[in-house]
């Protein structure tokens, strides 16, 4: 509750000319004597007024009069889509604190009986126990949106109503807690910062929400295991994550009820990629997957063989130069053959407890490892739990830093890929997978069209902004689809995103061209967009009719350029959106400080 401190308000009236720096409004429970709820003050509550000491009643009356007669600015907005209202709201607030997407969702869901932000804070506190760390609050509305709509875009989150959220809140919180517990117990996510992607949390919660109060079967547990490692090691949510999350939710929904699905997300982890990865790359899904994998191995203290307690506060920060290095920062600094920044290579990282970290910080690896080998009877297995070689060929005995990095990178890559059934592929993973390329780009273009046009016209965009010939063509496609599926009907494909699934590549060109002002910031040049879309259409037709061999070298070059150009435009747009959200969060944190 926000209360007015009548005592300080009275002091302000008396001493403000001499300078007054005390807070008149405070957050606390009202006592209806010195501290009065701001709401009661505005309502001139007579019952509350009568409980106020006589000496403070004039201050109560004066404050009530000031607020009741203050000329507040009011902007009336009627009959406008939610997207328009949100934009107006944002512009009005530019003079004050900039509102993030999360702020807007909280404001949209606020009622006197249900304060969404406060409920989220309680939930985050609940799962942050035992030194787990703080989860980004934004994942909660994303989770609810995913449960309600199967998608978690900002527009979906803003479409949520308070009643919808209240109706499922208890089930959501139970599922959220179970999801975090599952990640900690089964996936090695010992700290909130270990999640390879924050988007993993909404998907896991969605799954536990679907099964409600049931426990996971062994088969369901295996499904989530395969999905988690597939997403993490393929870097699947690295860009356009919302689209891919929606795809995964669709698959997982089927899998949880017994339908056969596969997560053939190929690992991009190799010895070479691991050897270049640094602990400072905190947003790298592979870096965080390595932390999860290492924690699953229950690493041992290679001095005494005890299991390392990863819940310790000491492991909250893993990027400090003086911590968690096999070749210590002191050793690296005094060795001219090693680049200083390479001390942070992830292959040089291990979970090393505080007391051991201090003990080895000034020693050469060969020296302290030799000592531990002599004193610790389980040394070899303890070192192996940390993926450190101890055979005669191990570079640790020669203090050869870069050979050690190479050797351990291979162990790490092999251990990670051992968690998957998929084969390891090179960076040219998409070569020869034309169908997947077209399918992915089409899905991303449909999502983009739906997102941008929904923001302009809400659910009415299908009729207002989609060209007539496209709507007619889509209707015909849906009718043909329904003729083969008598158990479905037209109501299953309402105007909007579901109907976009029946569009062709040429339709996207027409839709975006007609509404160019809403897409210009993404594709910049209309002529280039049309040209690349034509070449994407060539690839689409060739894959649909299985005649890729008819494409000549020129066609292939133009198609490759089109795929790269369109993908980069879409990725750059979502990267900018993510950056804006991150800046908003930073602004809020700075304000809180």
Foldseek 3Di string as FASTA:
>chain_A
DKWFQLVVLVVCVVCVVVPDDDDRIDDDDAPLERTDDPVCLCVVPVVSLVNYPPVSSVSSVVVNVCVNPPPDDDDDDPDAAPLVVVVVVQVVCPVDAGDFLVNLLQVLQDDPVDRPVVLLVVLQVVLCPLLQEGADSLVLLQLLLCLVPLFRDSLSSSPDYNVSCVVCVVQLSVLLSVLSVCCVPPQQSSHNLLQLDSLLSSLSSSLCSVVGPDDDDPQLNLVNLQQRLLCLQLVVCVFPNRLVSSVVSVVSVCVRVPDDDHSQRAGQADLVVLLPDFPVPSNRSLLSSLNSLLSVLQAAALQAGHRDDCSDPVVVDQQDQLDFFLAHLQNQVVDPVHDSRSSGRSLRGFPHDDVVSVVCNNPQLLVVLVVSVVRYVCNCVNVVSRQADDDPPACSNVSPVSVNSSNSSRSSRVSSCVSHPHDHDHPVVCVPVLVVLLVVLLSLLLVVLLVLQCSVHNLCCQVVQQDPVQVVQLVVQVVVVCVVPVVDDPVVQRRTSSSSVSGALVSSLVRCVSVVVSCCVLLVDNVVLVQLSVLSNVSVVCVVVVNPVVDDPVSVVSPVVSSVSSVVSSRVVVVVSVVVSVVSVVSVVVVVD
